[in-house]
Amino acid sequence: KWFAAQAIHPAPAFVCAIWINSCEFDREWVRVTVPVPVPSTTESSSPQFALPEAMAPVRRSRSLQRLLLLPATYLLAHGAAAKKVDRPPRVDKSMKKGWGGGSEDIPGHGLPMMQQGNRKEIEVLESMPSWEDFYRDYIRENKPVVLRGAVEEMPAYEKWTDEYIKKHWGNKVIGVELNKTETRGAESVEMTVREFIDEMYSETRAGQLYAIFDFDKDAKAKSDVRLPSAIWCKEIWPQSVTLWMSSGGTSSVLHSDDAENVLMMLDGRKEAMLVHPDEAQNLYAGIAEARGSSPVHQEWVDMRAFPRFSNVTWLHGELNKGDILYIPHSYWHQVNSFGRNLGLNVWWQHESDWQWWNPTNPKEWDITRFGSRNFPTFKSLKEKAAPSLPCTPLPSDQDLSSVKIVSDDEYKVYTKKKKKQRAKAKAKEKEKA
């Protein structure tokens, strides 16, 4: 049974015979199919397949030959016939294995990620939930959701036209990627915002120019921004504020961020693919050249190199102008854009997330190892979060300029400090007991 399960393969095959030795099936023969074609020595106009000598009948008394029969056939099936796949472009050059073993016959080969099977639609809410409901049903459950029209009351939604952006940030120097199909570490240039906007609609720039605005320290930009009311709380600590701008046609890599995330659509339309952190092994996260990304190309999935990608179950979400996408902590996501596109990302943490998240402990936290054997699942980590957490509402007329940005590194230092304090408190309690 073990051999038959290992030998299943859609490729052309020859029929070999294996002697199953048991008390109940004395000298019984079973025929199974394995994927190694062996040309026959007989002349014929049609393909012939001959059994290798290693498959000849063996006597019941010759136990050593019997034991060697299965390994020999396994090597024929999986060694001699295996097609070598060169290292794909986005795989870490230090890796010598971890890809290959697939086939062009696997469904989805050569198609974009968003045309792969196992797709489900993301949940959509037409009204803003309370903090209590949002935390219980989505944050703690690590469940993505679209909030329809939730950004329409934010000042940036109406204000941030091209002219407004040029007026206030025209001289700001920004990083601009030269290929709308993202590759981590690909070529980029620096341009002023004015230069970028003047060029991004040009036909000569088709397929180019994707701008990233860092607004972490920009008081003017943050004065036009508020978080949705469900998370507009004193205990929510924004980590970064970033604007993504293009004329459409962009395609991001499939990647993961180690923070909670809201993507707010100020203009245009986006489609998103979202994959649970525990699918990391099917995404080949451990062999990616850029950590936190998948080496699988978002526009052309190579099932010869990455056959496990066909096992991925994913959520599909569509965002229109005014919508918000909640991307849970560490959720993998790939995003395509259409039309003039303004997407504002705010990454954030709750001040109590240290209770379940320990990024300094590689034995329980490694975005590349979730879903692998003998490693905690991301789901089990998130279940350590408190059943409920406080949320002290901020005034509705307050904006992000009055809220402290706590960087990723700062939050990790804070997390380490809080865990030490908790360990000391437990030690004192133990001494008293």
Foldseek 3Di string as FASTA:
>chain_A
DVLQVLFDDPADWDKFWAADDDPVQHRHIDIHTHHAADADPDDDPDGDGDDDPLRDDDDPVPVVSNVVSSVVVSCRRDPPPFDDDPDFPFFAPVDPDLWFPFDCPQPPFFAFLVPAPQEDAAAEDADDDALLCCCQPDQLQQGKYKHPLQCVPQQCLPQDDLVNCCVVQQQPKWWWFFALQDDPPHDIDIDGSVVLVVPQVDPVSVRTTKTKDWCQPPLVVQLRADDGQSQQFLQKAWATKMKIWGQFFHKYFWFWDQFKKKKAWSAFKKKKKKFFLLCLSLQSQVGGNDHRTGSARRGGGHCRTRVSVSVTNIYMYMDHRSMMMTRHGGIIMMMGTHGGTIIMMITIDGLQLLQLDQCVDPQADDSNCRNHPPYDHVSVSSNSDDSDDDGHHDDPSGTRSPGRHQHPVNSNVVSVVVVVVVVVVVVVVVVVD
